[in-house]
Amino acid sequence: MFARFICATILHLSIVDEINTGIINMKYAVNHPYKFESVFFAWLAGFLQCSSCLLIELANIGVICGTRDTISIVSNFIALVIIAEFDNYVFASMKNESFKLMCEKDFTERVLII
């Protein structure tokens, strides 16, 4: 039971920032429609980020509750964490692409003022 609690808590704490970022992106798209060609697609990007993180967390809770063996709980938890962090791994693997430079924090803080 302790392993279930620890795995659920760790995944939840790692996903909270992703959900918060998705909500902030949705709010930014709605509050600044003049900056986008299609506000719907800008809002949809934040919504998909938020909803995918929520679905991963629900899947994690389902897997944790359905598994009886401690080793299986931990291995399934690790697999779901890798799925949840996959976008960060892809972004980190980019070297000197212009898209990465436009998405980094120092650039976005100066350009996208909320």
PDB file of N, CA and C in Angstrom:
ATOM      1  N   MET A   1       0.824  -1.191   0.000  1.00  0.00           N
ATOM      2  CA  MET A   1       0.000   0.000   0.000  1.00  0.00           C
ATOM      3  C   MET A   1       0.875   1.264   0.000  1.00  0.00           C
ATOM      4  N   PHE A   2       1.996   1.189   0.707  1.00  0.00           N
ATOM      5  CA  PHE A   2       2.903   2.343   0.777  1.00  0.00           C
ATOM      6  C   PHE A   2       3.502   2.658  -0.594  1.00  0.00           C
ATOM      7  N   ALA A   3       3.843   1.615  -1.365  1.00  0.00           N
ATOM      8  CA  ALA A   3       4.401   1.829  -2.712  1.00  0.00           C
ATOM      9  C   ALA A   3       3.375   2.507  -3.612  1.00  0.00           C
ATOM     10  N   ARG A   4       2.111   2.141  -3.487  1.00  0.00           N
ATOM     11  CA  ARG A   4       1.059   2.790  -4.283  1.00  0.00           C
ATOM     12  C   ARG A   4       0.980   4.275  -3.959  1.00  0.00           C
ATOM     13  N   PHE A   5       1.006   4.582  -2.681  1.00  0.00           N
ATOM     14  CA  PHE A   5       0.911   5.977  -2.256  1.00  0.00           C
ATOM     15  C   PHE A   5       2.108   6.788  -2.757  1.00  0.00           C
ATOM     16  N   ILE A   6       3.292   6.249  -2.605  1.00  0.00           N
ATOM     17  CA  ILE A   6       4.503   6.958  -3.030  1.00  0.00           C
ATOM     18  C   ILE A   6       4.492   7.188  -4.547  1.00  0.00           C
ATOM     19  N   CYS A   7       4.176   6.156  -5.326  1.00  0.00           N
ATOM     20  CA  CYS A   7       4.174   6.293  -6.790  1.00  0.00           C
ATOM     21  C   CYS A   7       3.125   7.289  -7.263  1.00  0.00           C
ATOM     22  N   ALA A   8       1.932   7.243  -6.683  1.00  0.00           N
ATOM     23  CA  ALA A   8       0.875   8.180  -7.082  1.00  0.00           C
ATOM     24  C   ALA A   8       1.257   9.611  -6.719  1.00  0.00           C
ATOM     25  N   THR A   9       1.855   9.809  -5.570  1.00  0.00           N
ATOM     26  CA  THR A   9       2.245  11.148  -5.137  1.00  0.00           C
ATOM     27  C   THR A   9       3.363  11.713  -6.005  1.00  0.00           C
ATOM     28  N   ILE A  10       4.364  10.913  -6.303  1.00  0.00           N
ATOM     29  CA  ILE A  10       5.484  11.390  -7.117  1.00  0.00           C
ATOM     30  C   ILE A  10       5.021  11.774  -8.516  1.00  0.00           C
ATOM     31  N   LEU A  11       4.188  10.937  -9.137  1.00  0.00           N
ATOM     32  CA  LEU A  11       3.717  11.281 -10.480  1.00  0.00           C
ATOM     33  C   LEU A  11       2.845  12.528 -10.446  1.00  0.00           C
ATOM     34  N   HIS A  12       2.009  12.639  -9.435  1.00  0.00           N
ATOM     35  CA  HIS A  12       1.147  13.816  -9.329  1.00  0.00           C
ATOM     36  C   HIS A  12       1.982  15.087  -9.199  1.00  0.00           C
ATOM     37  N   LEU A  13       2.992  15.057  -8.369  1.00  0.00           N
ATOM     38  CA  LEU A  13       3.823  16.238  -8.174  1.00  0.00           C
ATOM     39  C   LEU A  13       4.631  16.591  -9.421  1.00  0.00           C
ATOM     40  N   SER A  14       4.996  15.582 -10.209  1.00  0.00           N
ATOM     41  CA  SER A  14       5.745  15.873 -11.432  1.00  0.00           C
ATOM     42  C   SER A  14       4.840  16.382 -12.554  1.00  0.00           C
ATOM     43  N   ILE A  15       3.557  16.080 -12.505  1.00  0.00           N
ATOM     44  CA  ILE A  15       2.628  16.472 -13.567  1.00  0.00           C
ATOM     45  C   ILE A  15       1.942  17.812 -13.279  1.00  0.00           C
ATOM     46  N   VAL A  16       1.940  18.255 -12.040  1.00  0.00           N
ATOM     47  CA  VAL A  16       1.238  19.493 -11.682  1.00  0.00           C
ATOM     48  C   VAL A  16       1.748  20.684 -12.488  1.00  0.00           C
ATOM     49  N   ASP A  17       3.055  20.784 -12.682  1.00  0.00           N
ATOM     50  CA  ASP A  17       3.605  21.904 -13.453  1.00  0.00           C
ATOM     51  C   ASP A  17       3.169  21.854 -14.916  1.00  0.00           C
ATOM     52  N   GLU A  18       3.096  20.657 -15.489  1.00  0.00           N
ATOM     53  CA  GLU A  18       2.642  20.522 -16.888  1.00  0.00           C
ATOM     54  C   GLU A  18       1.175  20.958 -17.031  1.00  0.00           C
ATOM     55  N   ILE A  19       0.343  20.574 -16.078  1.00  0.00           N
ATOM     56  CA  ILE A  19      -1.070  20.959 -16.120  1.00  0.00           C
ATOM     57  C   ILE A  19      -1.202  22.471 -15.961  1.00  0.00           C
ATOM     58  N   ASN A  20      -0.434  23.031 -15.047  1.00  0.00           N
ATOM     59  CA  ASN A  20      -0.461  24.479 -14.839  1.00  0.00           C
ATOM     60  C   ASN A  20      -0.020  25.229 -16.096  1.00  0.00           C
ATOM     61  N   THR A  21       0.994  24.731 -16.779  1.00  0.00           N
ATOM     62  CA  THR A  21       1.452  25.357 -18.019  1.00  0.00           C
ATOM     63  C   THR A  21       0.364  25.300 -19.087  1.00  0.00           C
ATOM     64  N   GLY A  22      -0.329  24.167 -19.196  1.00  0.00           N
ATOM     65  CA  GLY A  22      -1.420  24.055 -20.159  1.00  0.00           C
ATOM     66  C   GLY A  22      -2.546  25.034 -19.880  1.00  0.00           C
ATOM     67  N   ILE A  23      -2.884  25.205 -18.604  1.00  0.00           N
ATOM     68  CA  ILE A  23      -3.942  26.153 -18.231  1.00  0.00           C
ATOM     69  C   ILE A  23      -3.514  27.586 -18.516  1.00  0.00           C
ATOM     70  N   ILE A  24      -2.259  27.917 -18.230  1.00  0.00           N
ATOM     71  CA  ILE A  24      -1.756  29.259 -18.518  1.00  0.00           C
ATOM     72  C   ILE A  24      -1.764  29.526 -20.022  1.00  0.00           C
ATOM     73  N   ASN A  25      -1.397  28.517 -20.823  1.00  0.00           N
ATOM     74  CA  ASN A  25      -1.422  28.691 -22.277  1.00  0.00           C
ATOM     75  C   ASN A  25      -2.841  28.909 -22.793  1.00  0.00           C
ATOM     76  N   MET A  26      -3.812  28.182 -22.247  1.00  0.00           N
ATOM     77  CA  MET A  26      -5.202  28.388 -22.657  1.00  0.00           C
ATOM     78  C   MET A  26      -5.662  29.797 -22.301  1.00  0.00           C
ATOM     79  N   LYS A  27      -5.313  30.240 -21.100  1.00  0.00           N
ATOM     80  CA  LYS A  27      -5.705  31.577 -20.663  1.00  0.00           C
ATOM     81  C   LYS A  27      -5.056  32.651 -21.532  1.00  0.00           C
ATOM     82  N   TYR A  28      -3.794  32.449 -21.885  1.00  0.00           N
ATOM     83  CA  TYR A  28      -3.097  33.420 -22.726  1.00  0.00           C
ATOM     84  C   TYR A  28      -3.742  33.504 -24.110  1.00  0.00           C
ATOM     85  N   ALA A  29      -4.113  32.370 -24.670  1.00  0.00           N
ATOM     86  CA  ALA A  29      -4.736  32.360 -25.991  1.00  0.00           C
ATOM     87  C   ALA A  29      -6.083  33.078 -25.976  1.00  0.00           C
ATOM     88  N   VAL A  30      -6.842  32.901 -24.908  1.00  0.00           N
ATOM     89  CA  VAL A  30      -8.160  33.542 -24.823  1.00  0.00           C
ATOM     90  C   VAL A  30      -8.013  35.046 -24.569  1.00  0.00           C
ATOM     91  N   ASN A  31      -7.041  35.432 -23.747  1.00  0.00           N
ATOM     92  CA  ASN A  31      -6.883  36.850 -23.406  1.00  0.00           C
ATOM     93  C   ASN A  31      -6.174  37.666 -24.486  1.00  0.00           C
ATOM     94  N   HIS A  32      -5.450  37.003 -25.396  1.00  0.00           N
ATOM     95  CA  HIS A  32      -4.722  37.714 -26.449  1.00  0.00           C
ATOM     96  C   HIS A  32      -5.055  37.135 -27.831  1.00  0.00           C
ATOM     97  N   PRO A  33      -6.296  37.245 -28.265  1.00  0.00           N
ATOM     98  CA  PRO A  33      -6.656  36.641 -29.546  1.00  0.00           C
ATOM     99  C   PRO A  33      -6.020  37.334 -30.749  1.00  0.00           C
ATOM    100  N   TYR A  34      -5.616  38.568 -30.598  1.00  0.00           N
ATOM    101  CA  TYR A  34      -5.025  39.316 -31.717  1.00  0.00           C
ATOM    102  C   TYR A  34      -3.616  38.828 -32.060  1.00  0.00           C
ATOM    103  N   LYS A  35      -3.003  38.019 -31.220  1.00  0.00           N
ATOM    104  CA  LYS A  35      -1.647  37.527 -31.477  1.00  0.00           C
ATOM    105  C   LYS A  35      -1.625  36.211 -32.256  1.00  0.00           C
ATOM    106  N   PHE A  36      -2.793  35.656 -32.544  1.00  0.00           N
ATOM    107  CA  PHE A  36      -2.868  34.352 -33.191  1.00  0.00           C
ATOM    108  C   PHE A  36      -3.727  34.429 -34.448  1.00  0.00           C
ATOM    109  N   GLU A  37      -3.346  33.640 -35.442  1.00  0.00           N
ATOM    110  CA  GLU A  37      -4.194  33.518 -36.628  1.00  0.00           C
ATOM    111  C   GLU A  37      -5.454  32.738 -36.289  1.00  0.00           C
ATOM    112  N   SER A  38      -5.293  31.699 -35.503  1.00  0.00           N
ATOM    113  CA  SER A  38      -6.436  30.898 -35.063  1.00  0.00           C
ATOM    114  C   SER A  38      -6.349  30.711 -33.549  1.00  0.00           C
ATOM    115  N   VAL A  39      -7.219  31.396 -32.844  1.00  0.00           N
ATOM    116  CA  VAL A  39      -7.223  31.310 -31.383  1.00  0.00           C
ATOM    117  C   VAL A  39      -7.583  29.893 -30.938  1.00  0.00           C
ATOM    118  N   PHE A  40      -8.438  29.236 -31.706  1.00  0.00           N
ATOM    119  CA  PHE A  40      -8.860  27.893 -31.342  1.00  0.00           C
ATOM    120  C   PHE A  40      -7.681  26.934 -31.284  1.00  0.00           C
ATOM    121  N   PHE A  41      -6.788  26.987 -32.268  1.00  0.00           N
ATOM    122  CA  PHE A  41      -5.648  26.073 -32.273  1.00  0.00           C
ATOM    123  C   PHE A  41      -4.653  26.406 -31.164  1.00  0.00           C
ATOM    124  N   ALA A  42      -4.505  27.676 -30.853  1.00  0.00           N
ATOM    125  CA  ALA A  42      -3.640  28.068 -29.740  1.00  0.00           C
ATOM    126  C   ALA A  42      -4.225  27.560 -28.424  1.00  0.00           C
ATOM    127  N   TRP A  43      -5.528  27.713 -28.254  1.00  0.00           N
ATOM    128  CA  TRP A  43      -6.190  27.225 -27.047  1.00  0.00           C
ATOM    129  C   TRP A  43      -6.139  25.701 -27.002  1.00  0.00           C
ATOM    130  N   LEU A  44      -6.315  25.059 -28.158  1.00  0.00           N
ATOM    131  CA  LEU A  44      -6.321  23.598 -28.231  1.00  0.00           C
ATOM    132  C   LEU A  44      -4.973  23.001 -27.818  1.00  0.00           C
ATOM    133  N   ALA A  45      -3.882  23.673 -28.132  1.00  0.00           N
ATOM    134  CA  ALA A  45      -2.561  23.180 -27.736  1.00  0.00           C
ATOM    135  C   ALA A  45      -2.452  23.110 -26.216  1.00  0.00           C
ATOM    136  N   GLY A  46      -2.903  24.133 -25.520  1.00  0.00           N
ATOM    137  CA  GLY A  46      -2.901  24.117 -24.058  1.00  0.00           C
ATOM    138  C   GLY A  46      -3.860  23.087 -23.497  1.00  0.00           C
ATOM    139  N   PHE A  47      -5.031  22.966 -24.130  1.00  0.00           N
ATOM    140  CA  PHE A  47      -6.014  21.991 -23.671  1.00  0.00           C
ATOM    141  C   PHE A  47      -5.501  20.560 -23.818  1.00  0.00           C
ATOM    142  N   LEU A  48      -4.863  20.270 -24.948  1.00  0.00           N
ATOM    143  CA  LEU A  48      -4.328  18.926 -25.163  1.00  0.00           C
ATOM    144  C   LEU A  48      -3.200  18.613 -24.186  1.00  0.00           C
ATOM    145  N   GLN A  49      -2.384  19.599 -23.870  1.00  0.00           N
ATOM    146  CA  GLN A  49      -1.327  19.380 -22.888  1.00  0.00           C
ATOM    147  C   GLN A  49      -1.932  19.074 -21.517  1.00  0.00           C
ATOM    148  N   CYS A  50      -2.913  19.840 -21.134  1.00  0.00           N
ATOM    149  CA  CYS A  50      -3.565  19.657 -19.837  1.00  0.00           C
ATOM    150  C   CYS A  50      -4.309  18.327 -19.774  1.00  0.00           C
ATOM    151  N   SER A  51      -5.079  18.019 -20.796  1.00  0.00           N
ATOM    152  CA  SER A  51      -5.878  16.789 -20.774  1.00  0.00           C
ATOM    153  C   SER A  51      -5.013  15.542 -20.890  1.00  0.00           C
ATOM    154  N   SER A  52      -3.931  15.589 -21.657  1.00  0.00           N
ATOM    155  CA  SER A  52      -3.070  14.407 -21.743  1.00  0.00           C
ATOM    156  C   SER A  52      -2.406  14.115 -20.402  1.00  0.00           C
ATOM    157  N   CYS A  53      -2.009  15.155 -19.688  1.00  0.00           N
ATOM    158  CA  CYS A  53      -1.423  14.940 -18.360  1.00  0.00           C
ATOM    159  C   CYS A  53      -2.447  14.375 -17.386  1.00  0.00           C
ATOM    160  N   LEU A  54      -3.670  14.863 -17.452  1.00  0.00           N
ATOM    161  CA  LEU A  54      -4.714  14.326 -16.583  1.00  0.00           C
ATOM    162  C   LEU A  54      -5.012  12.859 -16.904  1.00  0.00           C
ATOM    163  N   LEU A  55      -5.038  12.516 -18.191  1.00  0.00           N
ATOM    164  CA  LEU A  55      -5.296  11.130 -18.571  1.00  0.00           C
ATOM    165  C   LEU A  55      -4.147  10.208 -18.158  1.00  0.00           C
ATOM    166  N   ILE A  56      -2.924  10.692 -18.233  1.00  0.00           N
ATOM    167  CA  ILE A  56      -1.785   9.885 -17.777  1.00  0.00           C
ATOM    168  C   ILE A  56      -1.880   9.657 -16.274  1.00  0.00           C
ATOM    169  N   GLU A  57      -2.281  10.673 -15.547  1.00  0.00           N
ATOM    170  CA  GLU A  57      -2.413  10.498 -14.098  1.00  0.00           C
ATOM    171  C   GLU A  57      -3.543   9.528 -13.749  1.00  0.00           C
ATOM    172  N   LEU A  58      -4.658   9.610 -14.469  1.00  0.00           N
ATOM    173  CA  LEU A  58      -5.748   8.655 -14.241  1.00  0.00           C
ATOM    174  C   LEU A  58      -5.322   7.227 -14.594  1.00  0.00           C
ATOM    175  N   ALA A  59      -4.573   7.083 -15.672  1.00  0.00           N
ATOM    176  CA  ALA A  59      -4.062   5.757 -16.040  1.00  0.00           C
ATOM    177  C   ALA A  59      -3.116   5.232 -14.968  1.00  0.00           C
ATOM    178  N   ASN A  60      -2.294   6.111 -14.428  1.00  0.00           N
ATOM    179  CA  ASN A  60      -1.376   5.705 -13.367  1.00  0.00           C
ATOM    180  C   ASN A  60      -2.134   5.205 -12.143  1.00  0.00           C
ATOM    181  N   ILE A  61      -3.170   5.909 -11.753  1.00  0.00           N
ATOM    182  CA  ILE A  61      -3.953   5.484 -10.593  1.00  0.00           C
ATOM    183  C   ILE A  61      -4.647   4.161 -10.879  1.00  0.00           C
ATOM    184  N   GLY A  62      -5.168   3.989 -12.094  1.00  0.00           N
ATOM    185  CA  GLY A  62      -5.792   2.717 -12.454  1.00  0.00           C
ATOM    186  C   GLY A  62      -4.815   1.559 -12.436  1.00  0.00           C
ATOM    187  N   VAL A  63      -3.625   1.784 -12.966  1.00  0.00           N
ATOM    188  CA  VAL A  63      -2.613   0.725 -12.982  1.00  0.00           C
ATOM    189  C   VAL A  63      -2.145   0.405 -11.569  1.00  0.00           C
ATOM    190  N   ILE A  64      -1.942   1.433 -10.769  1.00  0.00           N
ATOM    191  CA  ILE A  64      -1.483   1.216  -9.395  1.00  0.00           C
ATOM    192  C   ILE A  64      -2.526   0.450  -8.587  1.00  0.00           C
ATOM    193  N   CYS A  65      -3.783   0.798  -8.752  1.00  0.00           N
ATOM    194  CA  CYS A  65      -4.829   0.105  -7.991  1.00  0.00           C
ATOM    195  C   CYS A  65      -5.063  -1.319  -8.485  1.00  0.00           C
ATOM    196  N   GLY A  66      -4.797  -1.574  -9.757  1.00  0.00           N
ATOM    197  CA  GLY A  66      -5.045  -2.897 -10.306  1.00  0.00           C
ATOM    198  C   GLY A  66      -3.904  -3.877 -10.151  1.00  0.00           C
ATOM    199  N   THR A  67      -2.732  -3.403  -9.798  1.00  0.00           N
ATOM    200  CA  THR A  67      -1.570  -4.268  -9.681  1.00  0.00           C
ATOM    201  C   THR A  67      -1.366  -4.676  -8.233  1.00  0.00           C
ATOM    202  N   ARG A  68      -1.016  -5.944  -8.040  1.00  0.00           N
ATOM    203  CA  ARG A  68      -0.841  -6.448  -6.675  1.00  0.00           C
ATOM    204  C   ARG A  68       0.619  -6.553  -6.255  1.00  0.00           C
ATOM    205  N   ASP A  69       1.501  -6.738  -7.218  1.00  0.00           N
ATOM    206  CA  ASP A  69       2.910  -6.945  -6.921  1.00  0.00           C
ATOM    207  C   ASP A  69       3.636  -5.600  -6.851  1.00  0.00           C
ATOM    208  N   THR A  70       4.489  -5.422  -5.856  1.00  0.00           N
ATOM    209  CA  THR A  70       5.201  -4.162  -5.668  1.00  0.00           C
ATOM    210  C   THR A  70       6.144  -3.864  -6.827  1.00  0.00           C
ATOM    211  N   ILE A  71       6.812  -4.876  -7.345  1.00  0.00           N
ATOM    212  CA  ILE A  71       7.731  -4.674  -8.472  1.00  0.00           C
ATOM    213  C   ILE A  71       6.951  -4.201  -9.699  1.00  0.00           C
ATOM    214  N   SER A  72       5.789  -4.759  -9.939  1.00  0.00           N
ATOM    215  CA  SER A  72       4.969  -4.345 -11.080  1.00  0.00           C
ATOM    216  C   SER A  72       4.462  -2.916 -10.906  1.00  0.00           C
ATOM    217  N   ILE A  73       4.131  -2.545  -9.692  1.00  0.00           N
ATOM    218  CA  ILE A  73       3.680  -1.178  -9.427  1.00  0.00           C
ATOM    219  C   ILE A  73       4.776  -0.190  -9.787  1.00  0.00           C
ATOM    220  N   VAL A  74       5.993  -0.460  -9.343  1.00  0.00           N
ATOM    221  CA  VAL A  74       7.106   0.456  -9.593  1.00  0.00           C
ATOM    222  C   VAL A  74       7.469   0.482 -11.076  1.00  0.00           C
ATOM    223  N   SER A  75       7.496  -0.677 -11.729  1.00  0.00           N
ATOM    224  CA  SER A  75       7.862  -0.696 -13.151  1.00  0.00           C
ATOM    225  C   SER A  75       6.797  -0.007 -14.012  1.00  0.00           C
ATOM    226  N   ASN A  76       5.528  -0.196 -13.711  1.00  0.00           N
ATOM    227  CA  ASN A  76       4.473   0.500 -14.451  1.00  0.00           C
ATOM    228  C   ASN A  76       4.516   2.004 -14.185  1.00  0.00           C
ATOM    229  N   PHE A  77       4.845   2.383 -12.967  1.00  0.00           N
ATOM    230  CA  PHE A  77       4.976   3.789 -12.621  1.00  0.00           C
ATOM    231  C   PHE A  77       6.102   4.431 -13.432  1.00  0.00           C
ATOM    232  N   ILE A  78       7.230   3.753 -13.533  1.00  0.00           N
ATOM    233  CA  ILE A  78       8.359   4.288 -14.297  1.00  0.00           C
ATOM    234  C   ILE A  78       7.987   4.432 -15.776  1.00  0.00           C
ATOM    235  N   ALA A  79       7.262   3.469 -16.317  1.00  0.00           N
ATOM    236  CA  ALA A  79       6.832   3.550 -17.715  1.00  0.00           C
ATOM    237  C   ALA A  79       5.913   4.748 -17.936  1.00  0.00           C
ATOM    238  N   LEU A  80       4.998   4.995 -17.023  1.00  0.00           N
ATOM    239  CA  LEU A  80       4.080   6.127 -17.177  1.00  0.00           C
ATOM    240  C   LEU A  80       4.795   7.463 -16.984  1.00  0.00           C
ATOM    241  N   VAL A  81       5.807   7.508 -16.137  1.00  0.00           N
ATOM    242  CA  VAL A  81       6.579   8.744 -15.982  1.00  0.00           C
ATOM    243  C   VAL A  81       7.330   9.061 -17.274  1.00  0.00           C
ATOM    244  N   ILE A  82       7.879   8.042 -17.915  1.00  0.00           N
ATOM    245  CA  ILE A  82       8.577   8.258 -19.184  1.00  0.00           C
ATOM    246  C   ILE A  82       7.606   8.768 -20.241  1.00  0.00           C
ATOM    247  N   ILE A  83       6.397   8.229 -20.274  1.00  0.00           N
ATOM    248  CA  ILE A  83       5.390   8.707 -21.223  1.00  0.00           C
ATOM    249  C   ILE A  83       5.019  10.158 -20.923  1.00  0.00           C
ATOM    250  N   ALA A  84       4.873  10.487 -19.636  1.00  0.00           N
ATOM    251  CA  ALA A  84       4.488  11.850 -19.261  1.00  0.00           C
ATOM    252  C   ALA A  84       5.587  12.862 -19.580  1.00  0.00           C
ATOM    253  N   GLU A  85       6.834  12.462 -19.509  1.00  0.00           N
ATOM    254  CA  GLU A  85       7.952  13.374 -19.734  1.00  0.00           C
ATOM    255  C   GLU A  85       8.540  13.275 -21.144  1.00  0.00           C
ATOM    256  N   PHE A  86       7.884  12.549 -22.040  1.00  0.00           N
ATOM    257  CA  PHE A  86       8.424  12.320 -23.378  1.00  0.00           C
ATOM    258  C   PHE A  86       8.648  13.618 -24.145  1.00  0.00           C
ATOM    259  N   ASP A  87       7.723  14.565 -24.025  1.00  0.00           N
ATOM    260  CA  ASP A  87       7.886  15.832 -24.738  1.00  0.00           C
ATOM    261  C   ASP A  87       9.103  16.604 -24.248  1.00  0.00           C
ATOM    262  N   ASN A  88       9.390  16.519 -22.966  1.00  0.00           N
ATOM    263  CA  ASN A  88      10.580  17.198 -22.438  1.00  0.00           C
ATOM    264  C   ASN A  88      11.865  16.543 -22.945  1.00  0.00           C
ATOM    265  N   TYR A  89      11.852  15.217 -23.106  1.00  0.00           N
ATOM    266  CA  TYR A  89      13.027  14.524 -23.632  1.00  0.00           C
ATOM    267  C   TYR A  89      13.287  14.913 -25.085  1.00  0.00           C
ATOM    268  N   VAL A  90      12.223  15.011 -25.875  1.00  0.00           N
ATOM    269  CA  VAL A  90      12.379  15.399 -27.278  1.00  0.00           C
ATOM    270  C   VAL A  90      12.893  16.836 -27.375  1.00  0.00           C
ATOM    271  N   PHE A  91      12.354  17.720 -26.558  1.00  0.00           N
ATOM    272  CA  PHE A  91      12.794  19.114 -26.570  1.00  0.00           C
ATOM    273  C   PHE A  91      14.257  19.233 -26.152  1.00  0.00           C
ATOM    274  N   ALA A  92      14.669  18.463 -25.166  1.00  0.00           N
ATOM    275  CA  ALA A  92      16.061  18.506 -24.705  1.00  0.00           C
ATOM    276  C   ALA A  92      17.020  17.945 -25.753  1.00  0.00           C
ATOM    277  N   SER A  93      16.538  17.043 -26.611  1.00  0.00           N
ATOM    278  CA  SER A  93      17.422  16.443 -27.614  1.00  0.00           C
ATOM    279  C   SER A  93      17.699  17.375 -28.789  1.00  0.00           C
ATOM    280  N   MET A  94      16.908  18.435 -28.956  1.00  0.00           N
ATOM    281  CA  MET A  94      17.148  19.396 -30.032  1.00  0.00           C
ATOM    282  C   MET A  94      18.411  20.199 -29.711  1.00  0.00           C
ATOM    283  N   LYS A  95      19.255  20.396 -30.700  1.00  0.00           N
ATOM    284  CA  LYS A  95      20.519  21.097 -30.463  1.00  0.00           C
ATOM    285  C   LYS A  95      20.386  22.603 -30.716  1.00  0.00           C
ATOM    286  N   ASN A  96      20.524  23.029 -31.925  1.00  0.00           N
ATOM    287  CA  ASN A  96      20.509  24.452 -32.258  1.00  0.00           C
ATOM    288  C   ASN A  96      19.419  24.775 -33.266  1.00  0.00           C
ATOM    289  N   GLU A  97      18.238  24.326 -33.009  1.00  0.00           N
ATOM    290  CA  GLU A  97      17.137  24.602 -33.926  1.00  0.00           C
ATOM    291  C   GLU A  97      16.455  25.902 -33.525  1.00  0.00           C
ATOM    292  N   SER A  98      15.976  26.630 -34.509  1.00  0.00           N
ATOM    293  CA  SER A  98      15.349  27.923 -34.239  1.00  0.00           C
ATOM    294  C   SER A  98      14.065  27.761 -33.425  1.00  0.00           C
ATOM    295  N   PHE A  99      13.350  26.651 -33.622  1.00  0.00           N
ATOM    296  CA  PHE A  99      12.126  26.419 -32.865  1.00  0.00           C
ATOM    297  C   PHE A  99      12.434  26.287 -31.380  1.00  0.00           C
ATOM    298  N   LYS A 100      13.520  25.616 -31.047  1.00  0.00           N
ATOM    299  CA  LYS A 100      13.887  25.453 -29.644  1.00  0.00           C
ATOM    300  C   LYS A 100      14.246  26.798 -29.024  1.00  0.00           C
ATOM    301  N   LEU A 101      14.966  27.635 -29.769  1.00  0.00           N
ATOM    302  CA  LEU A 101      15.339  28.941 -29.245  1.00  0.00           C
ATOM    303  C   LEU A 101      14.112  29.815 -28.990  1.00  0.00           C
ATOM    304  N   MET A 102      13.076  29.666 -29.832  1.00  0.00           N
ATOM    305  CA  MET A 102      11.864  30.446 -29.647  1.00  0.00           C
ATOM    306  C   MET A 102      11.028  29.956 -28.477  1.00  0.00           C
ATOM    307  N   CYS A 103      11.211  28.715 -28.048  1.00  0.00           N
ATOM    308  CA  CYS A 103      10.416  28.152 -26.960  1.00  0.00           C
ATOM    309  C   CYS A 103      11.114  28.204 -25.609  1.00  0.00           C
ATOM    310  N   GLU A 104      12.383  28.581 -25.579  1.00  0.00           N
ATOM    311  CA  GLU A 104      13.100  28.618 -24.315  1.00  0.00           C
ATOM    312  C   GLU A 104      12.601  29.757 -23.441  1.00  0.00           C
ATOM    313  N   LYS A 105      12.814  29.597 -22.151  1.00  0.00           N
ATOM    314  CA  LYS A 105      12.209  30.478 -21.162  1.00  0.00           C
ATOM    315  C   LYS A 105      12.684  31.928 -21.268  1.00  0.00           C
ATOM    316  N   ASP A 106      13.960  32.165 -21.516  1.00  0.00           N
ATOM    317  CA  ASP A 106      14.443  33.545 -21.552  1.00  0.00           C
ATOM    318  C   ASP A 106      13.829  34.339 -22.713  1.00  0.00           C
ATOM    319  N   PHE A 107      13.561  33.679 -23.842  1.00  0.00           N
ATOM    320  CA  PHE A 107      12.919  34.342 -24.969  1.00  0.00           C
ATOM    321  C   PHE A 107      11.437  34.574 -24.712  1.00  0.00           C
ATOM    322  N   THR A 108      10.755  33.550 -24.214  1.00  0.00           N
ATOM    323  CA  THR A 108       9.305  33.669 -24.018  1.00  0.00           C
ATOM    324  C   THR A 108       8.943  34.641 -22.910  1.00  0.00           C
ATOM    325  N   GLU A 109       9.784  34.776 -21.899  1.00  0.00           N
ATOM    326  CA  GLU A 109       9.477  35.746 -20.839  1.00  0.00           C
ATOM    327  C   GLU A 109       9.525  37.188 -21.339  1.00  0.00           C
ATOM    328  N   ARG A 110      10.398  37.449 -22.322  1.00  0.00           N
ATOM    329  CA  ARG A 110      10.490  38.795 -22.856  1.00  0.00           C
ATOM    330  C   ARG A 110       9.399  39.079 -23.885  1.00  0.00           C
ATOM    331  N   VAL A 111       8.986  38.070 -24.636  1.00  0.00           N
ATOM    332  CA  VAL A 111       8.033  38.290 -25.728  1.00  0.00           C
ATOM    333  C   VAL A 111       6.592  38.095 -25.275  1.00  0.00           C
ATOM    334  N   LEU A 112       6.325  37.034 -24.530  1.00  0.00           N
ATOM    335  CA  LEU A 112       4.948  36.687 -24.153  1.00  0.00           C
ATOM    336  C   LEU A 112       4.671  37.149 -22.727  1.00  0.00           C
ATOM    337  N   ILE A 113       4.367  38.385 -22.568  1.00  0.00           N
ATOM    338  CA  ILE A 113       4.086  38.951 -21.250  1.00  0.00           C
ATOM    339  C   ILE A 113       2.614  38.724 -20.924  1.00  0.00           C
ATOM    340  N   ILE A 114       2.361  38.082 -19.810  1.00  0.00           N
ATOM    341  CA  ILE A 114       0.983  37.803 -19.400  1.00  0.00           C
ATOM    342  C   ILE A 114       0.546  38.871 -18.409  1.00  0.00           C
TER     343      ILE A 114
END
